[in-house]
Amino acid sequence: MLLFASCKKQAKPIVITSQNYFDIVDKLTQTMVNDIFSPPVASRIYVYPNIAAYEIIAQKHDKYNALSTKIKSLKAIPKANDTNVNLDASAIVAYMELSKQLVFTQDFINNYQDSLYAVWKKTNKLEFEASKAYGIEVAKHISDWMHQDNYSQTRTMSRFIVNVDDSSRWQPTPPLYMDGIEPHWMKLRTLTLDSATQYKPQNHPEFSLEKGSDFYKELNEVYTLTTAIKKNGNDAEEIKIAQFWDCNPYVAVSTGHLTTAIKKITPGAHWVGITKIACKKSNYNFEDAIHANTLITIGIFDAFISCWDEKYRSNLIRPETLINQHLDKNWKPLLQTPPFPEYTSGHSVVSGTASTILTNIFGNNFSFVDNTEVDYGLPTRTFNSFNQAAQEAAISRLYGGIHYRAAVDNGLKQGVNVGKHVLERINLINTVL
C-alpha cells in the first residue's frame, strides 16, 4: 500500500503563462475580424475582459493597485475565499467569459477554452474547478458594471441624419454610402475622462471653398498629394504606409453586381498587437502582460469616446465628397473612406493615446518590428519608438486621401492628451511597497 501511494501521481499546480494570455487575445481579435465590429465597438470588446483579468491578478501581491478606486463606479470584486483558487487561471477564465458576452461568434473562444480546460482538469481538477468558479463569479461582477455604461441604450437611439442643405456637413461616401457609424458613442460612460468633451481639440479651419482659404488649401493638399503619390506607382512609400495603417474592418470590393468584403483589424486592434510585440520583446510575465494591456485598452476606449464626440459635433465633410464635387469627379482616395464624419482622425487620436501609454511603460526609444498586419497580406515595418509609429499612423490618413491635415495633426495631439490623462488618473503600479 505504501508503494502504491508513493507511485500515485500527485496533482500539480496549474501554470499560466503570458502566452496563454496572448493566445486568448488573438482568439478575441480573430472573432472581431470575423464578426466585423466597428473601431469604437471593438475598443469596448477589448477593455472589459482586460479589466476583469487585471482586478483578479491585482490581488496576488502589492505590486498592483486595484482599478476599483480609479475607474468610474467600479466596485471592488469579490475576494477568492477558496484556498484552491489559482488566481492566474481565474483571470483567464474571467477574460474568456466576458469576451464571449461581447461578440457574436463564440466558436474561436469556445474551442480554445475547451482545450485549455481539458489540460487544467487533467493537471489539477480541484484547482481547476475552484479557479473556474471564481473566474465566472468575477466575470459576472464586471459584466453587471459593464452593462451600466449606456451601450445598450445607444443601440435604440435614432440613426444619424444627414444635413444635405449644408455643404460643409458629412455625407455618406462610396462605394456603399453607409449611414454614419455610432453617432451616439460619446454618450457612453467614460472610464477615466471627466467627460467626452474634456480634451476637445481646436477647431478645424473654417469651411470655405474660396481659393486661398485655409480650408481650401487643406482640401487641395489632399488632392494634389494623392495624385502625385499615385503617379509613383504601387511601390511608393506613401502607399505602403497608407495600406499598412488602413485598419478598416470592412473594405467593400465590387465586381460587377457582386460586392464582397475584405475583413481586417481595427486601429485599436493594431495597437493591441503592438503591445503584444512589446511585451514579448521585454519577456513580460503573465501579470505584467495583463497590466500593460489593461492600461492600453482603457486608453483606447476613452480615446474613441473623445474622438467620436468631436466627429459628430463638427460633422465635417470628407475630402472624397468635395474633391468629386469641385475638383475632379473621377478622383478616388487610396484608401476606402470610412463611414463617419472627418474631424478628427480616429486613427490619429487612438495612436496618440496608445503611443503615450506604451512609451510610459516600455521607454522612449523602444524599437520594434511591427508584424501585426502580416496575417492580412502586408509586410512588417520597423520603428524606433512608439511615437514614431503613431506619427506614421496619423500621416497615413492624409496619404490615403481620407483626412485633411488638421484632422491628423490635431487628432494626434488630442490622443496624446487623453493618454497623459489616463496615466495621471490610473497609476496601476504601486511604487510604495
Protein backbone atom coordinates (compact mmCIF):
# COMPACT_ATOMS: atom_id res chain seq x y z
CA MET A 1 0.00 0.00 0.00
CA LEU A 2 2.88 2.35 0.80
CA LEU A 3 4.45 1.53 -2.55
CA PHE A 4 1.15 2.20 -4.32
CA ALA A 5 0.70 5.54 -2.54
CA SER A 6 4.23 6.66 -3.38
CA CYS A 7 3.70 5.81 -7.05
CA LYS A 8 0.33 7.57 -7.27
CA LYS A 9 0.55 10.64 -9.47
CA GLN A 10 0.34 13.84 -7.44
CA ALA A 11 -1.71 16.78 -8.73
CA LYS A 12 0.46 19.66 -9.90
CA PRO A 13 -0.37 23.37 -9.74
CA ILE A 14 -1.83 24.80 -12.94
CA VAL A 15 0.77 27.02 -14.60
CA ILE A 16 -0.41 30.04 -16.59
CA THR A 17 2.00 31.81 -18.93
CA SER A 18 1.89 35.08 -20.82
CA GLN A 19 1.49 33.02 -23.99
CA ASN A 20 -1.83 31.69 -22.67
CA TYR A 21 -2.97 35.28 -22.37
CA PHE A 22 -1.70 36.28 -25.83
CA ASP A 23 -3.43 33.25 -27.33
CA ILE A 24 -6.82 34.19 -25.96
CA VAL A 25 -6.39 37.84 -27.00
CA ASP A 26 -5.59 36.60 -30.51
CA LYS A 27 -8.74 34.48 -30.48
CA LEU A 28 -10.77 37.53 -29.48
CA THR A 29 -9.19 39.59 -32.27
CA GLN A 30 -9.89 36.79 -34.75
CA THR A 31 -13.50 36.77 -33.63
CA MET A 32 -13.88 40.53 -34.02
CA VAL A 33 -12.45 40.41 -37.54
CA ASN A 34 -14.89 37.63 -38.38
CA ASP A 35 -17.87 39.46 -36.88
CA ILE A 36 -16.88 42.87 -38.38
CA PHE A 37 -17.12 45.18 -35.39
CA SER A 38 -16.60 48.91 -35.90
CA PRO A 39 -13.50 50.52 -34.34
CA PRO A 40 -15.35 52.09 -31.38
CA VAL A 41 -17.23 48.89 -30.56
CA ALA A 42 -14.00 46.88 -30.84
CA SER A 43 -12.45 49.13 -28.18
CA ARG A 44 -15.26 48.21 -25.79
CA ILE A 45 -14.83 44.49 -26.52
CA TYR A 46 -11.12 44.66 -25.66
CA VAL A 47 -11.30 46.67 -22.47
CA TYR A 48 -13.83 44.91 -20.21
CA PRO A 49 -12.24 41.41 -20.31
CA ASN A 50 -8.88 43.01 -19.52
CA ILE A 51 -10.31 44.89 -16.55
CA ALA A 52 -11.77 41.66 -15.15
CA ALA A 53 -8.48 39.79 -15.55
CA TYR A 54 -6.46 42.65 -14.09
CA GLU A 55 -8.62 43.03 -10.99
CA ILE A 56 -8.06 39.33 -10.23
CA ILE A 57 -4.28 39.35 -10.61
CA ALA A 58 -4.07 42.61 -8.62
CA GLN A 59 -4.95 40.53 -5.56
CA LYS A 60 -1.81 38.41 -5.84
CA HIS A 61 0.67 40.87 -4.41
CA ASP A 62 1.17 44.52 -3.52
CA LYS A 63 2.78 45.49 -6.84
CA TYR A 64 -0.54 46.36 -8.46
CA ASN A 65 -3.20 48.87 -7.46
CA ALA A 66 -6.80 47.82 -7.98
CA LEU A 67 -8.86 49.71 -10.54
CA SER A 68 -11.94 49.85 -8.35
CA THR A 69 -10.81 53.13 -6.79
CA LYS A 70 -9.71 54.68 -10.09
CA ILE A 71 -12.44 53.95 -12.65
CA LYS A 72 -15.95 55.34 -12.60
CA SER A 73 -18.45 53.40 -10.49
CA LEU A 74 -16.39 50.20 -10.48
CA LYS A 75 -16.75 48.42 -7.16
CA ALA A 76 -14.17 46.02 -5.74
CA ILE A 77 -14.51 42.47 -7.00
CA PRO A 78 -15.40 39.69 -4.53
CA LYS A 79 -12.40 38.07 -2.89
CA ALA A 80 -11.38 34.50 -3.57
CA ASN A 81 -12.24 32.59 -0.40
CA ASP A 82 -11.37 29.10 -1.62
CA THR A 83 -7.68 28.32 -0.97
CA ASN A 84 -7.67 26.09 -4.05
CA VAL A 85 -8.18 29.07 -6.38
CA ASN A 86 -5.35 29.78 -8.81
CA LEU A 87 -5.76 33.50 -9.47
CA ASP A 88 -3.91 33.40 -12.79
CA ALA A 89 -6.24 30.69 -14.08
CA SER A 90 -9.26 32.61 -12.79
CA ALA A 91 -8.07 35.71 -14.66
CA ILE A 92 -8.03 33.76 -17.92
CA VAL A 93 -11.48 32.33 -17.16
CA ALA A 94 -12.92 35.79 -16.48
CA TYR A 95 -11.35 37.15 -19.69
CA MET A 96 -12.88 34.37 -21.79
CA GLU A 97 -16.29 34.57 -20.16
CA LEU A 98 -16.61 38.32 -20.71
CA SER A 99 -15.23 38.06 -24.25
CA LYS A 100 -17.98 35.64 -25.21
CA GLN A 101 -20.62 38.06 -23.94
CA LEU A 102 -19.33 40.82 -26.19
CA VAL A 103 -19.10 39.07 -29.57
CA PHE A 104 -21.47 37.24 -31.91
CA THR A 105 -19.39 34.22 -32.92
CA GLN A 106 -18.13 32.27 -29.91
CA ASP A 107 -16.55 29.31 -31.69
CA PHE A 108 -12.94 30.56 -31.68
CA ILE A 109 -13.02 31.30 -27.96
CA ASN A 110 -15.02 28.19 -27.05
CA ASN A 111 -12.62 25.88 -28.88
CA TYR A 112 -9.62 27.42 -27.15
CA GLN A 113 -11.41 27.38 -23.82
CA ASP A 114 -12.30 23.69 -24.14
CA SER A 115 -8.72 22.70 -24.93
CA LEU A 116 -7.40 24.78 -22.05
CA TYR A 117 -9.92 23.39 -19.59
CA ALA A 118 -9.07 19.82 -20.60
CA VAL A 119 -5.42 20.40 -19.75
CA TRP A 120 -6.20 22.16 -16.48
CA LYS A 121 -8.64 19.48 -15.36
CA LYS A 122 -6.11 16.77 -16.07
CA THR A 123 -3.38 18.69 -14.26
CA ASN A 124 -5.31 19.56 -11.11
CA LYS A 125 -9.07 19.03 -11.07
CA LEU A 126 -9.65 20.58 -7.64
CA GLU A 127 -7.71 23.72 -8.50
CA PHE A 128 -9.34 23.92 -11.94
CA GLU A 129 -12.89 23.77 -10.61
CA ALA A 130 -12.24 26.32 -7.86
CA SER A 131 -10.46 28.69 -10.25
CA LYS A 132 -13.15 28.37 -12.88
CA ALA A 133 -15.92 29.10 -10.38
CA TYR A 134 -14.13 32.20 -9.10
CA GLY A 135 -13.35 33.46 -12.60
CA ILE A 136 -17.02 33.17 -13.55
CA GLU A 137 -18.00 34.99 -10.33
CA VAL A 138 -15.72 37.92 -11.15
CA ALA A 139 -16.86 37.97 -14.78
CA LYS A 140 -20.45 38.39 -13.59
CA HIS A 141 -19.40 41.21 -11.26
CA ILE A 142 -17.67 43.08 -14.10
CA SER A 143 -20.49 42.26 -16.51
CA ASP A 144 -23.07 43.84 -14.20
CA TRP A 145 -20.98 47.01 -14.07
CA MET A 146 -20.27 46.89 -17.81
CA HIS A 147 -23.97 46.88 -18.68
CA GLN A 148 -24.37 50.23 -16.92
CA ASP A 149 -22.16 52.04 -19.45
CA ASN A 150 -25.11 53.15 -21.63
CA TYR A 151 -24.08 50.99 -24.59
CA SER A 152 -27.40 49.12 -24.70
CA GLN A 153 -29.32 52.39 -24.66
CA THR A 154 -27.37 53.72 -27.64
CA ARG A 155 -28.47 50.67 -29.67
CA THR A 156 -32.01 52.04 -29.70
CA MET A 157 -31.21 55.73 -30.32
CA SER A 158 -32.00 57.44 -33.61
CA ARG A 159 -29.84 56.98 -36.69
CA PHE A 160 -27.66 59.84 -37.85
CA ILE A 161 -29.49 62.40 -40.02
CA VAL A 162 -27.50 63.82 -42.92
CA ASN A 163 -27.90 67.57 -43.45
CA VAL A 164 -27.88 67.88 -47.24
CA ASP A 165 -28.58 71.63 -47.09
CA ASP A 166 -25.21 72.41 -45.53
CA SER A 167 -22.29 71.83 -47.91
CA SER A 168 -19.80 71.57 -45.03
CA ARG A 169 -21.57 68.65 -43.36
CA TRP A 170 -20.66 65.00 -43.73
CA GLN A 171 -22.35 62.95 -46.43
CA PRO A 172 -22.19 59.16 -46.98
CA THR A 173 -19.31 58.12 -49.24
CA PRO A 174 -18.72 55.45 -51.91
CA PRO A 175 -18.93 52.60 -52.51
CA LEU A 176 -21.68 51.63 -50.06
CA TYR A 177 -22.89 55.09 -48.92
CA MET A 178 -23.42 53.76 -45.40
CA ASP A 179 -25.05 55.69 -42.57
CA GLY A 180 -22.76 57.35 -40.05
CA ILE A 181 -21.45 54.71 -37.62
CA GLU A 182 -22.00 55.09 -33.87
CA PRO A 183 -23.36 58.67 -33.77
CA HIS A 184 -24.13 58.30 -30.05
CA TRP A 185 -20.80 56.79 -28.95
CA MET A 186 -19.89 59.90 -26.96
CA LYS A 187 -22.80 59.11 -24.64
CA LEU A 188 -21.08 56.02 -23.26
CA ARG A 189 -19.68 56.17 -19.76
CA THR A 190 -16.01 57.08 -19.92
CA LEU A 191 -13.54 55.15 -17.77
CA THR A 192 -11.13 57.91 -16.78
CA LEU A 193 -12.21 61.07 -18.59
CA ASP A 194 -14.34 63.55 -16.68
CA SER A 195 -16.47 63.86 -19.81
CA ALA A 196 -16.33 63.15 -23.53
CA THR A 197 -15.58 66.82 -24.16
CA GLN A 198 -12.62 67.04 -21.77
CA TYR A 199 -9.97 67.11 -24.48
CA LYS A 200 -11.94 68.78 -27.24
CA PRO A 201 -9.42 69.66 -29.99
CA GLN A 202 -9.04 73.09 -31.51
CA ASN A 203 -11.49 73.85 -34.27
CA HIS A 204 -10.82 72.76 -37.82
CA PRO A 205 -10.07 75.63 -40.25
CA GLU A 206 -13.36 77.32 -41.10
CA PHE A 207 -15.11 75.69 -44.02
CA SER A 208 -14.59 77.62 -47.23
CA LEU A 209 -14.19 76.73 -50.87
CA GLU A 210 -12.62 80.08 -51.67
CA LYS A 211 -9.16 79.59 -53.15
CA GLY A 212 -6.57 80.83 -50.70
CA SER A 213 -8.62 79.98 -47.61
CA ASP A 214 -7.03 77.65 -45.06
CA PHE A 215 -9.70 75.04 -45.62
CA TYR A 216 -9.36 75.10 -49.40
CA LYS A 217 -5.60 74.73 -49.05
CA GLU A 218 -6.16 71.59 -46.98
CA LEU A 219 -8.62 70.19 -49.49
CA ASN A 220 -6.28 70.91 -52.40
CA GLU A 221 -3.37 69.34 -50.49
CA VAL A 222 -5.25 66.04 -50.27
CA TYR A 223 -5.97 66.13 -54.00
CA THR A 224 -2.51 67.15 -55.22
CA LEU A 225 -0.61 64.91 -52.78
CA THR A 226 -2.58 61.76 -53.55
CA THR A 227 -2.44 62.46 -57.28
CA ALA A 228 1.36 62.73 -57.09
CA ILE A 229 1.59 59.56 -54.98
CA LYS A 230 -0.46 57.57 -57.49
CA LYS A 231 1.90 58.61 -60.28
CA ASN A 232 4.79 56.99 -58.41
CA GLY A 233 3.11 53.57 -58.64
CA ASN A 234 2.28 50.94 -56.07
CA ASP A 235 5.86 50.86 -54.79
CA ALA A 236 5.57 54.40 -53.45
CA GLU A 237 6.45 54.55 -49.77
CA GLU A 238 3.36 56.63 -49.05
CA ILE A 239 1.15 53.88 -50.46
CA LYS A 240 2.88 51.25 -48.34
CA ILE A 241 2.36 53.40 -45.25
CA ALA A 242 -1.32 54.05 -46.07
CA GLN A 243 -2.02 50.36 -46.63
CA PHE A 244 -0.14 49.25 -43.51
CA TRP A 245 -2.19 51.51 -41.24
CA ASP A 246 -5.51 51.19 -43.10
CA CYS A 247 -7.11 49.12 -40.31
CA ASN A 248 -10.56 49.29 -41.88
CA PRO A 249 -12.59 46.30 -40.60
CA TYR A 250 -14.83 46.29 -43.67
CA VAL A 251 -13.49 47.20 -47.11
CA ALA A 252 -16.09 46.69 -49.82
CA VAL A 253 -14.86 45.32 -53.14
CA SER A 254 -17.30 45.41 -56.06
CA THR A 255 -17.04 43.17 -59.11
CA GLY A 256 -19.92 43.78 -61.46
CA HIS A 257 -23.08 43.37 -59.39
CA LEU A 258 -21.28 41.44 -56.65
CA THR A 259 -19.90 43.18 -53.55
CA THR A 260 -17.62 41.30 -51.19
CA ALA A 261 -15.83 42.36 -48.02
CA ILE A 262 -12.16 42.34 -47.11
CA LYS A 263 -12.02 41.94 -43.34
CA LYS A 264 -9.18 43.45 -41.33
CA ILE A 265 -8.35 44.58 -37.83
CA THR A 266 -9.31 47.96 -36.37
CA PRO A 267 -6.88 50.73 -35.27
CA GLY A 268 -7.29 49.63 -31.66
CA ALA A 269 -6.51 46.03 -32.57
CA HIS A 270 -3.34 47.14 -34.32
CA TRP A 271 -2.11 48.83 -31.14
CA VAL A 272 -3.12 45.82 -29.05
CA GLY A 273 -0.90 43.83 -31.43
CA ILE A 274 1.97 46.26 -30.90
CA THR A 275 1.50 45.90 -27.14
CA LYS A 276 1.91 42.13 -27.51
CA ILE A 277 5.10 42.65 -29.50
CA ALA A 278 6.50 44.92 -26.80
CA CYS A 279 5.53 42.52 -24.00
CA LYS A 280 7.20 39.60 -25.76
CA LYS A 281 10.36 41.55 -26.51
CA SER A 282 10.54 42.58 -22.84
CA ASN A 283 9.90 38.98 -21.66
CA TYR A 284 6.89 40.08 -19.65
CA ASN A 285 5.31 37.50 -17.39
CA PHE A 286 1.59 36.83 -17.25
CA GLU A 287 0.74 39.54 -14.73
CA ASP A 288 2.85 42.24 -16.37
CA ALA A 289 1.34 41.47 -19.79
CA ILE A 290 -2.17 41.89 -18.39
CA HIS A 291 -1.14 45.15 -16.71
CA ALA A 292 0.19 46.60 -19.98
CA ASN A 293 -2.82 45.52 -22.00
CA THR A 294 -5.33 46.75 -19.44
CA LEU A 295 -3.77 50.21 -19.39
CA ILE A 296 -3.59 50.40 -23.19
CA THR A 297 -7.17 49.23 -23.74
CA ILE A 298 -8.52 51.69 -21.16
CA GLY A 299 -6.74 54.44 -23.05
CA ILE A 300 -8.04 53.30 -26.44
CA PHE A 301 -11.60 53.08 -25.12
CA ASP A 302 -11.58 56.64 -23.78
CA ALA A 303 -9.77 57.86 -26.91
CA PHE A 304 -12.62 56.67 -29.13
CA ILE A 305 -15.20 58.39 -26.95
CA SER A 306 -13.20 61.63 -27.09
CA CYS A 307 -12.75 61.37 -30.86
CA TRP A 308 -16.35 60.43 -31.66
CA ASP A 309 -17.58 63.33 -29.55
CA GLU A 310 -15.73 65.71 -31.88
CA LYS A 311 -16.63 63.83 -35.06
CA TYR A 312 -20.37 64.24 -34.60
CA ARG A 313 -20.10 67.77 -33.21
CA SER A 314 -18.04 69.23 -36.06
CA ASN A 315 -19.72 66.81 -38.53
CA LEU A 316 -17.22 67.73 -41.26
CA ILE A 317 -17.46 66.55 -44.85
CA ARG A 318 -14.83 64.11 -46.16
CA PRO A 319 -12.24 65.07 -48.82
CA GLU A 320 -13.64 62.47 -51.23
CA THR A 321 -17.02 64.19 -51.42
CA LEU A 322 -15.66 67.70 -52.00
CA ILE A 323 -12.97 66.65 -54.46
CA ASN A 324 -15.53 64.76 -56.56
CA GLN A 325 -17.91 67.73 -56.43
CA HIS A 326 -15.48 70.57 -57.09
CA LEU A 327 -12.06 69.36 -58.30
CA ASP A 328 -12.19 66.00 -60.06
CA LYS A 329 -15.29 63.83 -60.40
CA ASN A 330 -13.14 60.76 -61.20
CA TRP A 331 -10.73 61.06 -58.26
CA LYS A 332 -10.67 58.25 -55.70
CA PRO A 333 -8.78 58.06 -52.42
CA LEU A 334 -6.04 55.47 -51.98
CA LEU A 335 -7.98 54.04 -49.04
CA GLN A 336 -11.71 53.48 -48.76
CA THR A 337 -13.28 56.35 -46.84
CA PRO A 338 -14.78 55.11 -43.53
CA PRO A 339 -18.49 55.82 -42.90
CA PHE A 340 -18.41 58.63 -40.35
CA PRO A 341 -17.52 62.35 -40.21
CA GLU A 342 -13.97 63.50 -40.87
CA TYR A 343 -12.71 65.54 -37.91
CA THR A 344 -10.68 64.40 -36.02
CA SER A 345 -8.88 61.35 -37.39
CA GLY A 346 -9.77 58.34 -35.25
CA HIS A 347 -6.53 56.51 -36.02
CA SER A 348 -4.55 59.63 -35.10
CA VAL A 349 -6.33 60.03 -31.76
CA VAL A 350 -6.00 56.35 -30.84
CA SER A 351 -2.36 56.25 -31.95
CA GLY A 352 -1.53 59.34 -29.89
CA THR A 353 -3.09 57.76 -26.82
CA ALA A 354 -1.58 54.32 -27.30
CA SER A 355 1.93 55.57 -28.06
CA THR A 356 1.89 57.84 -25.00
CA ILE A 357 0.91 54.97 -22.70
CA LEU A 358 3.30 52.45 -24.25
CA THR A 359 6.18 54.92 -24.04
CA ASN A 360 5.45 55.31 -20.34
CA ILE A 361 5.52 51.53 -19.86
CA PHE A 362 8.42 50.48 -22.11
CA GLY A 363 10.50 53.65 -22.58
CA ASN A 364 11.19 56.39 -25.14
CA ASN A 365 13.48 54.55 -27.53
CA PHE A 366 11.81 51.17 -27.69
CA SER A 367 12.49 49.79 -31.17
CA PHE A 368 10.32 47.01 -32.56
CA VAL A 369 9.34 45.19 -35.71
CA ASP A 370 5.61 45.52 -36.27
CA ASN A 371 4.29 42.29 -37.79
CA THR A 372 0.68 42.96 -36.83
CA GLU A 373 -0.52 43.14 -40.43
CA VAL A 374 1.30 40.06 -41.76
CA ASP A 375 -1.85 37.92 -41.46
CA TYR A 376 -3.57 40.42 -43.74
CA GLY A 377 -1.04 40.20 -46.53
CA LEU A 378 1.16 43.15 -45.60
CA PRO A 379 4.89 43.13 -44.80
CA THR A 380 6.46 44.12 -41.48
CA ARG A 381 7.57 47.66 -40.68
CA THR A 382 10.30 48.67 -38.23
CA PHE A 383 10.03 51.57 -35.79
CA ASN A 384 12.50 53.14 -33.38
CA SER A 385 9.80 54.23 -30.94
CA PHE A 386 6.07 54.11 -30.31
CA ASN A 387 5.85 57.83 -31.06
CA GLN A 388 7.39 57.28 -34.48
CA ALA A 389 4.80 54.60 -35.19
CA ALA A 390 1.99 56.92 -34.05
CA GLN A 391 3.20 59.74 -36.29
CA GLU A 392 3.32 57.39 -39.26
CA ALA A 393 -0.15 56.02 -38.47
CA ALA A 394 -1.50 59.57 -38.35
CA ILE A 395 0.05 60.80 -41.61
CA SER A 396 -1.12 57.61 -43.33
CA ARG A 397 -4.64 59.04 -43.29
CA LEU A 398 -3.50 62.03 -45.37
CA TYR A 399 -1.58 59.77 -47.76
CA GLY A 400 -4.68 57.60 -48.06
CA GLY A 401 -6.81 60.60 -49.04
CA ILE A 402 -9.39 60.13 -46.29
CA HIS A 403 -8.43 63.04 -43.98
CA TYR A 404 -7.28 66.65 -44.10
CA ARG A 405 -4.03 67.59 -42.39
CA ALA A 406 -5.73 69.31 -39.44
CA ALA A 407 -7.58 66.10 -38.58
CA VAL A 408 -4.25 64.28 -38.50
CA ASP A 409 -2.21 66.85 -36.55
CA ASN A 410 -4.90 67.88 -34.08
CA GLY A 411 -6.10 64.30 -33.69
CA LEU A 412 -2.63 63.19 -32.66
CA LYS A 413 -2.48 65.98 -30.06
CA GLN A 414 -5.93 65.06 -28.81
CA GLY A 415 -4.82 61.45 -28.36
CA VAL A 416 -1.64 62.41 -26.53
CA ASN A 417 -3.72 64.47 -24.11
CA VAL A 418 -6.01 61.51 -23.46
CA GLY A 419 -3.01 59.23 -22.94
CA LYS A 420 -1.41 61.59 -20.44
CA HIS A 421 -4.70 61.86 -18.59
CA VAL A 422 -5.06 58.09 -18.32
CA LEU A 423 -1.53 57.80 -16.92
CA GLU A 424 -2.18 60.55 -14.37
CA ARG A 425 -5.54 59.13 -13.32
CA ILE A 426 -4.59 55.45 -13.21
CA ASN A 427 -1.31 54.55 -11.56
CA LEU A 428 -1.55 50.77 -11.56
CA ILE A 429 1.96 50.14 -10.32
CA ASN A 430 2.30 50.62 -6.57
CA THR A 431 5.61 52.45 -6.07
CA VAL A 432 5.32 52.29 -2.28
CA LEU A 433 5.77 48.65 -1.33
